[in-house]
C-alpha atoms as a PDB file:
ATOM      1  CA  UNK A   1      -7.515  -0.988   2.813  1.00  0.00           C
ATOM      2  CA  UNK A   2      -8.854  -4.368   4.371  1.00  0.00           C
ATOM      3  CA  UNK A   3     -11.110  -4.926   1.202  1.00  0.00           C
ATOM      4  CA  UNK A   4      -7.908  -4.357  -0.905  1.00  0.00           C
ATOM      5  CA  UNK A   5      -5.922  -6.846   0.921  1.00  0.00           C
ATOM      6  CA  UNK A   6      -8.853  -9.168   0.561  1.00  0.00           C
ATOM      7  CA  UNK A   7      -8.804  -8.828  -3.091  1.00  0.00           C
ATOM      8  CA  UNK A   8      -5.198  -9.662  -3.577  1.00  0.00           C
ATOM      9  CA  UNK A   9      -5.693 -12.644  -1.213  1.00  0.00           C
ATOM     10  CA  UNK A  10      -8.827 -13.842  -2.812  1.00  0.00           C
ATOM     11  CA  UNK A  11     -10.580 -14.477   0.449  1.00  0.00           C
ATOM     12  CA  UNK A  12     -11.941 -12.474   3.517  1.00  0.00           C
ATOM     13  CA  UNK A  13      -8.745 -12.602   5.601  1.00  0.00           C
ATOM     14  CA  UNK A  14      -9.247  -9.205   6.942  1.00  0.00           C
ATOM     15  CA  UNK A  15     -12.206  -7.511   8.558  1.00  0.00           C
ATOM     16  CA  UNK A  16     -13.704  -4.725   6.171  1.00  0.00           C
ATOM     17  CA  UNK A  17     -15.934  -2.008   7.088  1.00  0.00           C
ATOM     18  CA  UNK A  18     -16.450   1.863   6.890  1.00  0.00           C
ATOM     19  CA  UNK A  19     -14.875   3.265  10.207  1.00  0.00           C
ATOM     20  CA  UNK A  20     -13.196   6.346  11.489  1.00  0.00           C
ATOM     21  CA  UNK A  21     -10.221   4.460  12.525  1.00  0.00           C
ATOM     22  CA  UNK A  22      -8.691   1.023  12.407  1.00  0.00           C
ATOM     23  CA  UNK A  23     -10.053  -1.702  14.628  1.00  0.00           C
ATOM     24  CA  UNK A  24      -6.924  -3.583  14.128  1.00  0.00           C
ATOM     25  CA  UNK A  25      -4.337  -3.100  17.109  1.00  0.00           C
ATOM     26  CA  UNK A  26      -2.002  -5.791  16.148  1.00  0.00           C
ATOM     27  CA  UNK A  27      -0.232  -6.906  12.830  1.00  0.00           C
ATOM     28  CA  UNK A  28      -1.814  -9.768  10.916  1.00  0.00           C
ATOM     29  CA  UNK A  29      -0.114 -11.635   8.289  1.00  0.00           C
ATOM     30  CA  UNK A  30      -1.976 -13.630   5.582  1.00  0.00           C
ATOM     31  CA  UNK A  31      -0.223 -15.539   2.663  1.00  0.00           C
ATOM     32  CA  UNK A  32      -1.355 -17.036  -0.629  1.00  0.00           C
ATOM     33  CA  UNK A  33      -0.208 -17.891  -4.129  1.00  0.00           C
ATOM     34  CA  UNK A  34      -1.038 -16.330  -7.443  1.00  0.00           C
ATOM     35  CA  UNK A  35      -0.034 -17.413 -10.791  1.00  0.00           C
ATOM     36  CA  UNK A  36       2.985 -19.273  -9.632  1.00  0.00           C
ATOM     37  CA  UNK A  37       3.697 -16.334  -7.159  1.00  0.00           C
ATOM     38  CA  UNK A  38       3.823 -16.230  -3.372  1.00  0.00           C
ATOM     39  CA  UNK A  39       2.212 -13.411  -1.767  1.00  0.00           C
ATOM     40  CA  UNK A  40       2.368 -12.454   1.852  1.00  0.00           C
ATOM     41  CA  UNK A  41       0.053  -9.586   3.104  1.00  0.00           C
ATOM     42  CA  UNK A  42       0.722  -7.889   6.632  1.00  0.00           C
ATOM     43  CA  UNK A  43      -2.289  -6.029   8.133  1.00  0.00           C
ATOM     44  CA  UNK A  44      -1.265  -3.254  10.414  1.00  0.00           C
ATOM     45  CA  UNK A  45      -3.034  -1.325  13.105  1.00  0.00           C
ATOM     46  CA  UNK A  46      -4.001   2.150  12.864  1.00  0.00           C
ATOM     47  CA  UNK A  47      -0.370   3.689  13.453  1.00  0.00           C
ATOM     48  CA  UNK A  48      -1.250   7.028  15.021  1.00  0.00           C
ATOM     49  CA  UNK A  49      -4.870   6.822  15.977  1.00  0.00           C
ATOM     50  CA  UNK A  50      -6.288   9.009  18.806  1.00  0.00           C
ATOM     51  CA  UNK A  51      -6.147   6.826  22.136  1.00  0.00           C
ATOM     52  CA  UNK A  52      -3.582   4.293  21.103  1.00  0.00           C
ATOM     53  CA  UNK A  53      -0.479   4.226  23.167  1.00  0.00           C
ATOM     54  CA  UNK A  54       2.592   5.478  21.063  1.00  0.00           C
ATOM     55  CA  UNK A  55       4.979   3.081  22.734  1.00  0.00           C
ATOM     56  CA  UNK A  56       2.781   0.218  21.773  1.00  0.00           C
ATOM     57  CA  UNK A  57       2.212   1.435  18.209  1.00  0.00           C
ATOM     58  CA  UNK A  58       5.876   1.605  17.590  1.00  0.00           C
ATOM     59  CA  UNK A  59       6.500  -1.779  18.737  1.00  0.00           C
ATOM     60  CA  UNK A  60       3.843  -2.786  15.976  1.00  0.00           C
ATOM     61  CA  UNK A  61       5.565  -0.915  13.597  1.00  0.00           C
ATOM     62  CA  UNK A  62       8.884  -2.824  14.370  1.00  0.00           C
ATOM     63  CA  UNK A  63       7.208  -6.112  14.131  1.00  0.00           C
ATOM     64  CA  UNK A  64       5.800  -5.291  10.739  1.00  0.00           C
ATOM     65  CA  UNK A  65       9.144  -4.416   9.496  1.00  0.00           C
ATOM     66  CA  UNK A  66      10.360  -7.841  10.566  1.00  0.00           C
ATOM     67  CA  UNK A  67       7.525  -9.457   8.862  1.00  0.00           C
ATOM     68  CA  UNK A  68       8.144  -7.480   5.505  1.00  0.00           C
ATOM     69  CA  UNK A  69      11.917  -8.045   5.293  1.00  0.00           C
ATOM     70  CA  UNK A  70      14.346  -7.614   3.507  1.00  0.00           C
ATOM     71  CA  UNK A  71      12.755  -4.554   2.073  1.00  0.00           C
ATOM     72  CA  UNK A  72      10.196  -2.811  -0.297  1.00  0.00           C
ATOM     73  CA  UNK A  73      10.320  -2.983  -3.977  1.00  0.00           C
ATOM     74  CA  UNK A  74       7.152  -0.826  -4.166  1.00  0.00           C
ATOM     75  CA  UNK A  75       4.745   1.536  -2.186  1.00  0.00           C
ATOM     76  CA  UNK A  76       1.209   1.398  -3.423  1.00  0.00           C
ATOM     77  CA  UNK A  77      -0.746   4.488  -2.185  1.00  0.00           C
ATOM     78  CA  UNK A  78      -4.501   3.244  -1.787  1.00  0.00           C
ATOM     79  CA  UNK A  79      -6.962   6.257  -2.804  1.00  0.00           C
ATOM     80  CA  UNK A  80     -10.417   5.946  -2.890  1.00  0.00           C
ATOM     81  CA  UNK A  81     -12.013   7.199  -5.958  1.00  0.00           C
ATOM     82  CA  UNK A  82     -13.972  10.667  -5.314  1.00  0.00           C
ATOM     83  CA  UNK A  83     -12.260  10.904  -1.872  1.00  0.00           C
ATOM     84  CA  UNK A  84      -9.065  12.874  -2.674  1.00  0.00           C
ATOM     85  CA  UNK A  85      -8.236  14.650   0.716  1.00  0.00           C
ATOM     86  CA  UNK A  86      -5.082  16.307   2.351  1.00  0.00           C
ATOM     87  CA  UNK A  87      -4.055  13.048   3.790  1.00  0.00           C
ATOM     88  CA  UNK A  88      -3.675  11.553   0.354  1.00  0.00           C
ATOM     89  CA  UNK A  89      -1.934  14.747  -0.983  1.00  0.00           C
ATOM     90  CA  UNK A  90       0.798  14.202   1.759  1.00  0.00           C
ATOM     91  CA  UNK A  91       1.014  10.542   1.274  1.00  0.00           C
ATOM     92  CA  UNK A  92       4.119  10.632  -1.101  1.00  0.00           C
ATOM     93  CA  UNK A  93       5.690  13.294   1.545  1.00  0.00           C
ATOM     94  CA  UNK A  94       5.044  10.597   4.336  1.00  0.00           C
ATOM     95  CA  UNK A  95       6.829   7.998   2.653  1.00  0.00           C
ATOM     96  CA  UNK A  96       9.776  10.367   1.659  1.00  0.00           C
ATOM     97  CA  UNK A  97      10.067  11.364   5.449  1.00  0.00           C
ATOM     98  CA  UNK A  98      10.384   7.737   6.324  1.00  0.00           C
ATOM     99  CA  UNK A  99      12.457   6.236   3.347  1.00  0.00           C
ATOM    100  CA  UNK A 100      14.073   9.438   1.632  1.00  0.00           C
ATOM    101  CA  UNK A 101      13.542  11.188  -1.619  1.00  0.00           C
ATOM    102  CA  UNK A 102      14.501   8.192  -3.449  1.00  0.00           C
ATOM    103  CA  UNK A 103      11.377   6.284  -2.361  1.00  0.00           C
ATOM    104  CA  UNK A 104       9.517   8.045  -5.263  1.00  0.00           C
ATOM    105  CA  UNK A 105      11.059   5.723  -7.778  1.00  0.00           C
ATOM    106  CA  UNK A 106       9.124   2.822  -6.036  1.00  0.00           C
ATOM    107  CA  UNK A 107       5.681   4.466  -5.585  1.00  0.00           C
ATOM    108  CA  UNK A 108       2.386   3.588  -7.462  1.00  0.00           C
ATOM    109  CA  UNK A 109      -0.942   4.873  -6.687  1.00  0.00           C
ATOM    110  CA  UNK A 110      -3.739   2.260  -6.542  1.00  0.00           C
ATOM    111  CA  UNK A 111      -7.523   3.508  -6.976  1.00  0.00           C
ATOM    112  CA  UNK A 112     -10.266   1.513  -5.020  1.00  0.00           C
ATOM    113  CA  UNK A 113     -13.873   1.534  -6.094  1.00  0.00           C
ATOM    114  CA  UNK A 114     -13.041   1.236  -9.861  1.00  0.00           C
ATOM    115  CA  UNK A 115     -16.891   0.336 -10.257  1.00  0.00           C
ATOM    116  CA  UNK A 116     -17.785   4.065  -9.472  1.00  0.00           C
ATOM    117  CA  UNK A 117     -15.990   4.932 -12.976  1.00  0.00           C
ATOM    118  CA  UNK A 118     -19.069   3.787 -14.682  1.00  0.00           C
ATOM    119  CA  UNK A 119     -17.571   3.481 -17.937  1.00  0.00           C
ATOM    120  CA  UNK A 120     -15.399   6.475 -17.573  1.00  0.00           C
ATOM    121  CA  UNK A 121     -11.714   6.160 -18.247  1.00  0.00           C
ATOM    122  CA  UNK A 122      -9.457   6.513 -15.180  1.00  0.00           C
ATOM    123  CA  UNK A 123      -7.229   9.048 -17.324  1.00  0.00           C
ATOM    124  CA  UNK A 124     -10.386  11.375 -17.458  1.00  0.00           C
ATOM    125  CA  UNK A 125     -10.907  11.124 -13.865  1.00  0.00           C
ATOM    126  CA  UNK A 126      -7.400  11.942 -13.244  1.00  0.00           C
ATOM    127  CA  UNK A 127      -7.518  14.789 -15.774  1.00  0.00           C
ATOM    128  CA  UNK A 128     -10.456  16.394 -14.033  1.00  0.00           C
ATOM    129  CA  UNK A 129      -8.237  16.971 -10.924  1.00  0.00           C
ATOM    130  CA  UNK A 130      -4.943  19.100 -10.729  1.00  0.00           C
ATOM    131  CA  UNK A 131      -3.969  17.852  -7.404  1.00  0.00           C
ATOM    132  CA  UNK A 132      -4.548  14.229  -8.472  1.00  0.00           C
ATOM    133  CA  UNK A 133      -2.465  14.921 -11.425  1.00  0.00           C
ATOM    134  CA  UNK A 134       0.446  16.297  -9.260  1.00  0.00           C
ATOM    135  CA  UNK A 135       0.134  13.200  -7.011  1.00  0.00           C
ATOM    136  CA  UNK A 136       0.366  10.890 -10.132  1.00  0.00           C
ATOM    137  CA  UNK A 137       3.160  12.727 -11.482  1.00  0.00           C
ATOM    138  CA  UNK A 138       5.188  12.604  -7.995  1.00  0.00           C
ATOM    139  CA  UNK A 139       4.614   8.834  -8.423  1.00  0.00           C
ATOM    140  CA  UNK A 140       6.231   8.595 -11.933  1.00  0.00           C
ATOM    141  CA  UNK A 141       2.907   8.536 -13.599  1.00  0.00           C
ATOM    142  CA  UNK A 142       2.218   4.886 -12.144  1.00  0.00           C
ATOM    143  CA  UNK A 143      -1.283   3.985 -11.170  1.00  0.00           C
ATOM    144  CA  UNK A 144      -3.784   1.055 -11.123  1.00  0.00           C
ATOM    145  CA  UNK A 145      -7.548   0.607 -10.445  1.00  0.00           C
ATOM    146  CA  UNK A 146      -9.264  -2.016  -8.272  1.00  0.00           C
ATOM    147  CA  UNK A 147     -12.898  -2.998  -8.094  1.00  0.00           C
ATOM    148  CA  UNK A 148     -13.211  -4.774  -4.671  1.00  0.00           C
ATOM    149  CA  UNK A 149     -16.797  -5.438  -5.149  1.00  0.00           C
ATOM    150  CA  UNK A 150     -15.758  -7.839  -8.068  1.00  0.00           C
ATOM    151  CA  UNK A 151     -13.241 -10.169  -6.221  1.00  0.00           C
ATOM    152  CA  UNK A 152     -13.737 -12.809  -9.131  1.00  0.00           C
ATOM    153  CA  UNK A 153     -12.092 -10.471 -11.418  1.00  0.00           C
ATOM    154  CA  UNK A 154      -8.415 -11.550 -10.819  1.00  0.00           C
ATOM    155  CA  UNK A 155      -7.212  -9.807 -14.036  1.00  0.00           C
ATOM    156  CA  UNK A 156      -6.941  -6.824 -12.057  1.00  0.00           C
ATOM    157  CA  UNK A 157      -4.541  -8.548  -9.474  1.00  0.00           C
ATOM    158  CA  UNK A 158      -2.350 -10.090 -12.382  1.00  0.00           C
ATOM    159  CA  UNK A 159      -2.153  -6.691 -14.056  1.00  0.00           C
ATOM    160  CA  UNK A 160      -1.146  -5.013 -10.921  1.00  0.00           C
ATOM    161  CA  UNK A 161       1.587  -7.525 -10.394  1.00  0.00           C
ATOM    162  CA  UNK A 162       2.765  -7.020 -13.951  1.00  0.00           C
ATOM    163  CA  UNK A 163       3.188  -3.165 -13.356  1.00  0.00           C
ATOM    164  CA  UNK A 164       5.155  -3.840 -10.230  1.00  0.00           C
ATOM    165  CA  UNK A 165       7.463  -6.293 -12.023  1.00  0.00           C
ATOM    166  CA  UNK A 166       8.059  -3.355 -14.746  1.00  0.00           C
ATOM    167  CA  UNK A 167       8.689  -0.985 -11.849  1.00  0.00           C
ATOM    168  CA  UNK A 168      10.992  -3.662 -10.179  1.00  0.00           C
ATOM    169  CA  UNK A 169      12.838  -4.074 -13.520  1.00  0.00           C
ATOM    170  CA  UNK A 170      13.156  -0.301 -13.946  1.00  0.00           C
ATOM    171  CA  UNK A 171      14.667   0.081 -10.806  1.00  0.00           C
ATOM    172  CA  UNK A 172      17.187  -2.829 -11.376  1.00  0.00           C
ATOM    173  CA  UNK A 173      15.392  -5.438  -9.431  1.00  0.00           C
ATOM    174  CA  UNK A 174      16.461  -3.963  -6.020  1.00  0.00           C
ATOM    175  CA  UNK A 175      14.341  -3.053  -3.277  1.00  0.00           C
ATOM    176  CA  UNK A 176      14.543   0.198  -1.431  1.00  0.00           C
ATOM    177  CA  UNK A 177      17.871   0.855   0.592  1.00  0.00           C
ATOM    178  CA  UNK A 178      17.644   1.676   4.172  1.00  0.00           C
ATOM    179  CA  UNK A 179      14.283  -0.281   4.942  1.00  0.00           C
ATOM    180  CA  UNK A 180      15.515  -2.024   7.714  1.00  0.00           C
ATOM    181  CA  UNK A 181      16.792   1.248   9.348  1.00  0.00           C
ATOM    182  CA  UNK A 182      12.805   2.281   9.551  1.00  0.00           C
ATOM    183  CA  UNK A 183      13.302   1.447  13.384  1.00  0.00           C
ATOM    184  CA  UNK A 184      15.479   4.297  13.758  1.00  0.00           C
ATOM    185  CA  UNK A 185      12.979   6.603  12.476  1.00  0.00           C
ATOM    186  CA  UNK A 186      10.305   5.663  14.626  1.00  0.00           C
ATOM    187  CA  UNK A 187      11.080   8.193  17.322  1.00  0.00           C
ATOM    188  CA  UNK A 188      11.117  11.250  15.306  1.00  0.00           C
ATOM    189  CA  UNK A 189       7.700  10.493  13.389  1.00  0.00           C
ATOM    190  CA  UNK A 190       5.996   9.237  16.366  1.00  0.00           C
ATOM    191  CA  UNK A 191       3.971  12.537  16.789  1.00  0.00           C
ATOM    192  CA  UNK A 192       2.712  12.608  13.434  1.00  0.00           C
ATOM    193  CA  UNK A 193      -0.998  12.218  13.529  1.00  0.00           C
ATOM    194  CA  UNK A 194      -1.273  11.585   9.746  1.00  0.00           C
ATOM    195  CA  UNK A 195       0.675   8.351   9.786  1.00  0.00           C
ATOM    196  CA  UNK A 196      -2.522   6.288  10.278  1.00  0.00           C
ATOM    197  CA  UNK A 197      -2.867   2.774   8.598  1.00  0.00           C
ATOM    198  CA  UNK A 198      -1.301   0.491   6.027  1.00  0.00           C
ATOM    199  CA  UNK A 199      -1.224  -2.782   4.663  1.00  0.00           C
ATOM    200  CA  UNK A 200       2.105  -4.237   3.762  1.00  0.00           C
ATOM    201  CA  UNK A 201       2.331  -7.128   1.164  1.00  0.00           C
ATOM    202  CA  UNK A 202       5.213  -9.264   0.049  1.00  0.00           C
ATOM    203  CA  UNK A 203       5.282 -11.177  -3.158  1.00  0.00           C
ATOM    204  CA  UNK A 204       7.756 -13.157  -5.069  1.00  0.00           C
ATOM    205  CA  UNK A 205       8.259 -16.141  -7.588  1.00  0.00           C
ATOM    206  CA  UNK A 206       7.504 -19.443  -6.063  1.00  0.00           C
ATOM    207  CA  UNK A 207       9.942 -21.175  -8.665  1.00  0.00           C
ATOM    208  CA  UNK A 208      13.167 -20.033 -10.085  1.00  0.00           C
ATOM    209  CA  UNK A 209      15.073 -17.003  -8.812  1.00  0.00           C
ATOM    210  CA  UNK A 210      13.020 -16.092  -5.582  1.00  0.00           C
ATOM    211  CA  UNK A 211      12.319 -12.389  -5.718  1.00  0.00           C
ATOM    212  CA  UNK A 212      10.672 -10.488  -2.785  1.00  0.00           C
ATOM    213  CA  UNK A 213       8.569  -7.492  -3.370  1.00  0.00           C
ATOM    214  CA  UNK A 214       7.216  -5.644  -0.562  1.00  0.00           C
ATOM    215  CA  UNK A 215       4.861  -2.999  -0.958  1.00  0.00           C
ATOM    216  CA  UNK A 216       2.872  -0.614   1.292  1.00  0.00           C
ATOM    217  CA  UNK A 217      -0.874   0.066   1.114  1.00  0.00           C
ATOM    218  CA  UNK A 218      -1.614   3.556   2.538  1.00  0.00           C
ATOM    219  CA  UNK A 219      -5.181   4.607   3.779  1.00  0.00           C
ATOM    220  CA  UNK A 220      -6.914   6.158   6.720  1.00  0.00           C
ATOM    221  CA  UNK A 221      -9.943   3.975   6.647  1.00  0.00           C
ATOM    222  CA  UNK A 222     -11.003   0.692   5.447  1.00  0.00           C
ATOM    223  CA  UNK A 223     -11.547   1.165   1.632  1.00  0.00           C
ATOM    224  CA  UNK A 224     -13.259  -0.998  -0.841  1.00  0.00           C
END
């Protein structure tokens, strides 16, 4: 997830390495501009890593909520190609549990390690896995691919933002209602171990009518 945030920011703002759990213990907020668009990326701790105090973790979630206000227009589920686990299968349900059934209208899958496709079309990769097809269907057949090893290819970032714009337009330009009520949901979900790590990012037009887009990147480990 750190590498994905770095690709969006176009710089090494977050530490990125393979690890069983997140090293981050506090929220980290970074900003950049891309094609006259302001982007803010919020890097969060491992939300329910073993050994981390739940009270402190919930405080960090509240902090992240305030950083990402006024609310999300899209959720990005970050999935590493070739690593589709039960955690990823549960990702959409995790979001629904926190934000309601309506959240599926705001969800998109973001695949990392696009270089591993090696000429294979992403559609073929999806067709080879029935469970992955189901997840994509749950997300309204919305998905994108990142190659975090090729950070100079900014086309992948601009294409992602274009897809987010299309989703926002379909949803009437509105963010998901009830986002700021997340604080009231912290107590019921604090025992769920599979709520692990996520990045929040906010993007909006620098000129003209300001539009705030917030998206959450879900992943259990640092993913390139």
